[in-house]
Amino acid sequence: MTIVRTDSGMPREDKSKPRNEVAHEACESMLPPRRSPDPASPGQLAAARQQSECLRAEGVSWYPDPDPVTAEVDETEGGTPEQWSSLKRDYVEALRKCRPAR
């Protein structure tokens, strides 16, 4: 387990790393090959791009563009862990406004 400090100095677990890195590295060769991600449809990609642009226009300036293949937003890019945590708390209206119609 890796402990890191937040911007405010509080300790937290870095969940981006395996809990037991040595064991993870030793067994990595035994894992099945990773599956390629399913590509998003042009409509899904356009909706994800529009959501990113909308959120930035609503004040979430650090919000990243979606992946050009999967249309998913990578939370390791763009903002800090604290910003991602505050997104659902502080930008509820922006999320509601920018969410793609289903």
Protein backbone atom coordinates (compact mmCIF):
# COMPACT_ATOMS: atom_id res chain seq x y z
CA MET A 1 0.00 0.00 0.00
CA THR A 2 1.32 3.42 -0.94
CA ILE A 3 0.37 6.49 1.09
CA VAL A 4 0.52 9.90 -0.60
CA ARG A 5 -0.33 13.40 0.63
CA THR A 6 -3.21 15.41 -0.82
CA ASP A 7 -2.90 19.10 -1.69
CA SER A 8 -4.12 19.90 1.82
CA GLY A 9 -1.47 17.63 3.39
CA MET A 10 -3.85 14.86 4.43
CA PRO A 11 -2.62 11.28 3.88
CA ARG A 12 -4.54 8.96 1.56
CA GLU A 13 -3.96 5.60 -0.11
CA ASP A 14 -2.74 5.77 -3.71
CA LYS A 15 -5.20 3.36 -5.33
CA SER A 16 -3.53 3.64 -8.73
CA LYS A 17 -0.84 1.20 -7.56
CA PRO A 18 -1.33 -2.46 -6.63
CA ARG A 19 -1.51 -3.22 -2.91
CA ASN A 20 1.46 -5.58 -3.11
CA GLU A 21 3.59 -4.34 -5.97
CA VAL A 22 6.30 -7.03 -5.63
CA ALA A 23 3.76 -9.88 -5.88
CA HIS A 24 1.96 -8.11 -8.71
CA GLU A 25 5.18 -7.82 -10.74
CA ALA A 26 6.17 -11.45 -10.00
CA CYS A 27 2.82 -12.81 -11.25
CA GLU A 28 2.31 -10.41 -14.15
CA SER A 29 3.57 -12.91 -16.73
CA MET A 30 0.82 -15.36 -15.69
CA LEU A 31 -2.03 -12.94 -16.36
CA PRO A 32 -4.12 -13.45 -19.49
CA PRO A 33 -3.49 -10.93 -22.27
CA ARG A 34 -5.42 -7.69 -21.94
CA ARG A 35 -8.45 -7.34 -24.15
CA SER A 36 -8.54 -4.41 -26.52
CA PRO A 37 -11.20 -1.91 -25.48
CA ASP A 38 -14.38 -1.83 -27.53
CA PRO A 39 -14.42 1.26 -29.76
CA ALA A 40 -17.19 3.77 -29.18
CA SER A 41 -19.64 4.59 -31.92
CA PRO A 42 -19.28 7.98 -33.65
CA GLY A 43 -22.40 9.14 -31.78
CA GLN A 44 -21.01 8.10 -28.39
CA LEU A 45 -17.71 9.82 -29.13
CA ALA A 46 -19.46 13.03 -30.23
CA ALA A 47 -21.63 13.01 -27.07
CA ALA A 48 -18.59 12.50 -24.83
CA ARG A 49 -16.69 15.33 -26.54
CA GLN A 50 -19.71 17.61 -26.21
CA GLN A 51 -19.99 16.78 -22.50
CA SER A 52 -16.31 17.64 -21.94
CA GLU A 53 -16.69 20.96 -23.77
CA CYS A 54 -19.89 21.77 -21.86
CA LEU A 55 -18.31 21.04 -18.46
CA ARG A 56 -15.33 23.24 -19.28
CA ALA A 57 -17.73 26.02 -20.35
CA GLU A 58 -19.54 25.58 -17.00
CA GLY A 59 -16.34 26.21 -15.03
CA VAL A 60 -14.71 22.78 -14.79
CA SER A 61 -11.65 24.02 -16.69
CA TRP A 62 -9.52 20.97 -15.91
CA TYR A 63 -12.02 18.40 -17.30
CA PRO A 64 -10.18 16.31 -19.97
CA ASP A 65 -11.28 15.26 -23.44
CA PRO A 66 -12.56 11.69 -23.79
CA ASP A 67 -10.41 8.90 -25.17
CA PRO A 68 -10.65 9.05 -29.00
CA VAL A 69 -11.29 5.28 -29.23
CA THR A 70 -13.45 4.38 -26.22
CA ALA A 71 -15.02 7.82 -25.47
CA GLU A 72 -14.22 7.23 -21.79
CA VAL A 73 -12.77 9.96 -19.58
CA ASP A 74 -9.58 8.93 -17.80
CA GLU A 75 -9.62 10.23 -14.22
CA THR A 76 -5.82 10.03 -14.05
CA GLU A 77 -5.66 12.88 -16.57
CA GLY A 78 -6.87 16.42 -16.17
CA GLY A 79 -7.65 17.10 -12.54
CA THR A 80 -6.24 16.10 -9.19
CA PRO A 81 -7.91 13.39 -7.07
CA GLU A 82 -9.41 16.18 -4.95
CA GLN A 83 -10.91 17.87 -8.02
CA TRP A 84 -12.45 14.60 -9.21
CA SER A 85 -13.92 14.07 -5.72
CA SER A 86 -15.41 17.55 -5.67
CA LEU A 87 -16.87 17.25 -9.19
CA LYS A 88 -20.07 15.47 -8.10
CA ARG A 89 -20.39 17.62 -4.99
CA ASP A 90 -19.65 21.11 -6.31
CA TYR A 91 -20.78 20.88 -9.94
CA VAL A 92 -24.11 19.04 -9.67
CA GLU A 93 -25.96 21.48 -11.92
CA ALA A 94 -23.18 21.49 -14.53
CA LEU A 95 -23.17 17.69 -14.60
CA ARG A 96 -26.96 17.64 -14.97
CA LYS A 97 -26.87 20.24 -17.75
CA CYS A 98 -23.99 18.62 -19.66
CA ARG A 99 -24.97 14.95 -19.33
CA PRO A 100 -25.82 13.46 -22.75
CA ALA A 101 -29.51 12.74 -23.32
CA ARG A 102 -30.37 9.06 -23.13
